[in-house]
C-alpha atoms as a PDB file:
ATOM      1  CA  MET A   1       0.000   0.000   0.000  1.00  0.00           C
ATOM      2  CA  LEU A   2       2.746   2.428   0.966  1.00  0.00           C
ATOM      3  CA  ARG A   3       4.656   1.633  -2.225  1.00  0.00           C
ATOM      4  CA  SER A   4       1.600   2.337  -4.413  1.00  0.00           C
ATOM      5  CA  LEU A   5       1.044   5.645  -2.601  1.00  0.00           C
ATOM      6  CA  ALA A   6       4.655   6.608  -3.196  1.00  0.00           C
ATOM      7  CA  THR A   7       4.346   5.659  -6.870  1.00  0.00           C
ATOM      8  CA  ALA A   8       1.156   7.705  -7.204  1.00  0.00           C
ATOM      9  CA  ALA A   9       2.790  10.699  -5.500  1.00  0.00           C
ATOM     10  CA  PHE A  10       5.784  10.461  -7.845  1.00  0.00           C
ATOM     11  CA  ALA A  11       3.525  10.287 -10.917  1.00  0.00           C
ATOM     12  CA  LEU A  12       1.536  13.301  -9.705  1.00  0.00           C
ATOM     13  CA  ALA A  13       4.714  15.299  -9.070  1.00  0.00           C
ATOM     14  CA  LEU A  14       6.053  14.354 -12.489  1.00  0.00           C
ATOM     15  CA  ALA A  15       2.815  15.416 -14.183  1.00  0.00           C
ATOM     16  CA  ALA A  16       2.769  18.720 -12.296  1.00  0.00           C
ATOM     17  CA  GLY A  17       6.373  19.411 -13.269  1.00  0.00           C
ATOM     18  CA  THR A  18       5.746  18.818 -16.946  1.00  0.00           C
ATOM     19  CA  ALA A  19       2.681  21.055 -16.885  1.00  0.00           C
ATOM     20  CA  LEU A  20       4.913  23.947 -15.838  1.00  0.00           C
ATOM     21  CA  ALA A  21       7.705  23.192 -18.263  1.00  0.00           C
ATOM     22  CA  ALA A  22       8.518  25.640 -21.008  1.00  0.00           C
ATOM     23  CA  GLU A  23       7.592  24.824 -24.570  1.00  0.00           C
ATOM     24  CA  PRO A  24      10.461  23.520 -26.660  1.00  0.00           C
ATOM     25  CA  ALA A  25      12.661  26.147 -28.247  1.00  0.00           C
ATOM     26  CA  SER A  26      11.125  27.609 -31.382  1.00  0.00           C
ATOM     27  CA  PRO A  27      11.423  30.227 -34.099  1.00  0.00           C
ATOM     28  CA  ALA A  28      10.344  33.773 -33.192  1.00  0.00           C
ATOM     29  CA  PRO A  29       6.848  34.079 -31.704  1.00  0.00           C
ATOM     30  CA  THR A  30       4.003  35.214 -33.936  1.00  0.00           C
ATOM     31  CA  ALA A  31       1.224  37.771 -33.576  1.00  0.00           C
ATOM     32  CA  LYS A  32      -2.364  36.564 -33.235  1.00  0.00           C
ATOM     33  CA  ASN A  33      -5.426  38.525 -32.137  1.00  0.00           C
ATOM     34  CA  GLY A  34      -3.320  41.576 -31.280  1.00  0.00           C
ATOM     35  CA  MET A  35      -0.805  39.772 -29.056  1.00  0.00           C
ATOM     36  CA  PHE A  36       2.268  37.587 -29.397  1.00  0.00           C
ATOM     37  CA  VAL A  37       1.880  33.845 -28.903  1.00  0.00           C
ATOM     38  CA  THR A  38       4.045  30.735 -28.791  1.00  0.00           C
ATOM     39  CA  ALA A  39       4.023  28.058 -31.486  1.00  0.00           C
ATOM     40  CA  LYS A  40       1.211  26.371 -29.503  1.00  0.00           C
ATOM     41  CA  GLY A  41      -0.808  29.607 -29.381  1.00  0.00           C
ATOM     42  CA  MET A  42      -0.102  30.416 -25.732  1.00  0.00           C
ATOM     43  CA  THR A  43      -0.086  34.103 -24.803  1.00  0.00           C
ATOM     44  CA  LEU A  44       3.301  35.724 -24.204  1.00  0.00           C
ATOM     45  CA  TYR A  45       4.020  38.349 -21.561  1.00  0.00           C
ATOM     46  CA  THR A  46       6.711  40.847 -20.586  1.00  0.00           C
ATOM     47  CA  PHE A  47       7.897  41.567 -17.035  1.00  0.00           C
ATOM     48  CA  ASP A  48       8.484  45.134 -15.800  1.00  0.00           C
ATOM     49  CA  LYS A  49      11.440  44.067 -13.629  1.00  0.00           C
ATOM     50  CA  ASP A  50      13.412  42.869 -16.668  1.00  0.00           C
ATOM     51  CA  SER A  51      15.781  45.345 -18.247  1.00  0.00           C
ATOM     52  CA  ALA A  52      16.434  45.551 -21.958  1.00  0.00           C
ATOM     53  CA  GLY A  53      18.368  42.440 -22.917  1.00  0.00           C
ATOM     54  CA  LYS A  54      18.275  40.846 -19.435  1.00  0.00           C
ATOM     55  CA  SER A  55      15.825  38.418 -17.836  1.00  0.00           C
ATOM     56  CA  VAL A  56      15.551  38.517 -14.045  1.00  0.00           C
ATOM     57  CA  CYS A  57      12.871  35.806 -13.964  1.00  0.00           C
ATOM     58  CA  ASN A  58      14.807  32.701 -12.904  1.00  0.00           C
ATOM     59  CA  GLY A  59      14.247  29.702 -10.624  1.00  0.00           C
ATOM     60  CA  PRO A  60      10.702  29.612  -9.194  1.00  0.00           C
ATOM     61  CA  CYS A  61       9.758  32.652 -11.277  1.00  0.00           C
ATOM     62  CA  ALA A  62      10.683  30.803 -14.489  1.00  0.00           C
ATOM     63  CA  ALA A  63       8.661  27.780 -13.342  1.00  0.00           C
ATOM     64  CA  ASN A  64       5.565  29.992 -13.158  1.00  0.00           C
ATOM     65  CA  TRP A  65       6.547  32.106 -16.173  1.00  0.00           C
ATOM     66  CA  PRO A  66       8.286  29.760 -18.628  1.00  0.00           C
ATOM     67  CA  PRO A  67      10.588  31.710 -20.938  1.00  0.00           C
ATOM     68  CA  ALA A  68       9.926  31.638 -24.688  1.00  0.00           C
ATOM     69  CA  LEU A  69      13.066  29.758 -25.636  1.00  0.00           C
ATOM     70  CA  ALA A  70      14.842  30.293 -28.946  1.00  0.00           C
ATOM     71  CA  VAL A  71      16.402  27.496 -30.972  1.00  0.00           C
ATOM     72  CA  ASP A  72      20.196  27.400 -30.868  1.00  0.00           C
ATOM     73  CA  ASP A  73      20.609  28.706 -34.412  1.00  0.00           C
ATOM     74  CA  ALA A  74      17.928  31.432 -34.113  1.00  0.00           C
ATOM     75  CA  LYS A  75      18.860  34.832 -35.462  1.00  0.00           C
ATOM     76  CA  PRO A  76      17.505  38.253 -34.442  1.00  0.00           C
ATOM     77  CA  MET A  77      14.828  39.562 -36.836  1.00  0.00           C
ATOM     78  CA  GLY A  78      13.672  43.173 -36.734  1.00  0.00           C
ATOM     79  CA  PRO A  79      12.351  43.887 -33.220  1.00  0.00           C
ATOM     80  CA  TRP A  80      12.948  40.253 -32.163  1.00  0.00           C
ATOM     81  CA  THR A  81      16.270  39.691 -30.415  1.00  0.00           C
ATOM     82  CA  ILE A  82      17.723  36.908 -28.321  1.00  0.00           C
ATOM     83  CA  VAL A  83      18.897  37.196 -24.730  1.00  0.00           C
ATOM     84  CA  VAL A  84      21.019  34.646 -22.914  1.00  0.00           C
ATOM     85  CA  ARG A  85      19.472  33.706 -19.594  1.00  0.00           C
ATOM     86  CA  ASP A  86      21.384  33.083 -16.357  1.00  0.00           C
ATOM     87  CA  ASP A  87      21.001  29.326 -17.011  1.00  0.00           C
ATOM     88  CA  GLY A  88      22.642  29.746 -20.440  1.00  0.00           C
ATOM     89  CA  LEU A  89      19.462  29.133 -22.458  1.00  0.00           C
ATOM     90  CA  LYS A  90      18.458  31.507 -25.234  1.00  0.00           C
ATOM     91  CA  GLN A  91      15.200  33.415 -24.868  1.00  0.00           C
ATOM     92  CA  TRP A  92      13.236  35.559 -27.323  1.00  0.00           C
ATOM     93  CA  ALA A  93      12.903  39.257 -26.570  1.00  0.00           C
ATOM     94  CA  TYR A  94      10.667  41.814 -28.272  1.00  0.00           C
ATOM     95  CA  ASN A  95      12.178  45.302 -28.444  1.00  0.00           C
ATOM     96  CA  GLY A  96      14.738  44.080 -25.917  1.00  0.00           C
ATOM     97  CA  LYS A  97      12.159  42.775 -23.385  1.00  0.00           C
ATOM     98  CA  PRO A  98      12.281  39.001 -22.758  1.00  0.00           C
ATOM     99  CA  VAL A  99       8.946  37.227 -23.297  1.00  0.00           C
ATOM    100  CA  TYR A 100       7.345  34.453 -21.253  1.00  0.00           C
ATOM    101  CA  ALA A 101       4.275  32.239 -21.161  1.00  0.00           C
ATOM    102  CA  PHE A 102       2.251  31.859 -17.925  1.00  0.00           C
ATOM    103  CA  ALA A 103       1.855  28.439 -16.290  1.00  0.00           C
ATOM    104  CA  LYS A 104      -1.731  29.195 -15.238  1.00  0.00           C
ATOM    105  CA  ASP A 105      -2.816  29.825 -18.826  1.00  0.00           C
ATOM    106  CA  THR A 106      -4.221  26.396 -19.658  1.00  0.00           C
ATOM    107  CA  LYS A 107      -5.278  26.816 -23.279  1.00  0.00           C
ATOM    108  CA  ALA A 108      -4.396  28.908 -26.299  1.00  0.00           C
ATOM    109  CA  GLY A 109      -5.785  32.424 -25.982  1.00  0.00           C
ATOM    110  CA  ASP A 110      -5.896  32.493 -22.155  1.00  0.00           C
ATOM    111  CA  THR A 111      -4.625  35.809 -20.742  1.00  0.00           C
ATOM    112  CA  THR A 112      -4.801  35.196 -16.987  1.00  0.00           C
ATOM    113  CA  GLY A 113      -1.287  36.573 -16.421  1.00  0.00           C
ATOM    114  CA  ASP A 114      -2.063  40.091 -17.665  1.00  0.00           C
ATOM    115  CA  GLY A 115      -1.661  42.540 -14.768  1.00  0.00           C
ATOM    116  CA  PHE A 116      -0.309  39.869 -12.403  1.00  0.00           C
ATOM    117  CA  LEU A 117       1.967  40.900  -9.500  1.00  0.00           C
ATOM    118  CA  ASN A 118       0.484  44.380  -9.055  1.00  0.00           C
ATOM    119  CA  GLY A 119       0.566  45.012 -12.789  1.00  0.00           C
ATOM    120  CA  ALA A 120       4.195  43.954 -13.388  1.00  0.00           C
ATOM    121  CA  TRP A 121       3.257  41.398 -16.086  1.00  0.00           C
ATOM    122  CA  HIS A 122       1.787  42.515 -19.414  1.00  0.00           C
ATOM    123  CA  ILE A 123       0.589  40.820 -22.572  1.00  0.00           C
ATOM    124  CA  ALA A 124       3.296  41.207 -25.218  1.00  0.00           C
ATOM    125  CA  LYS A 125       1.751  43.113 -28.130  1.00  0.00           C
ATOM    126  CA  PRO A 126       3.010  44.171 -31.561  1.00  0.00           C
END
């Protein structure tokens, strides 16, 4: 009984961890319905505490706000640039501001992160 509970707890933890994981690295995000989205259509956001070219959302922050990762051979295009995160991964930035998805957005088009943390998070718009 104890072993099956431990197995169930591990499976639940694994499922929860993958739900918060960032999407695989991709080409530059696209605009849809007046906002930028990931390849899977998830809304992207910017964070007021980031500075141009630098993400400060790491660790637990990045678990809740998965960065929009760029493929290794991605190249800047117009207003889209690439920043190197503290963990060494490449992240897309729009006009110098890194962009992120929000773990609590469960389906394409959700915008539950807009205005989060006393207005510090904003939908990334063209």
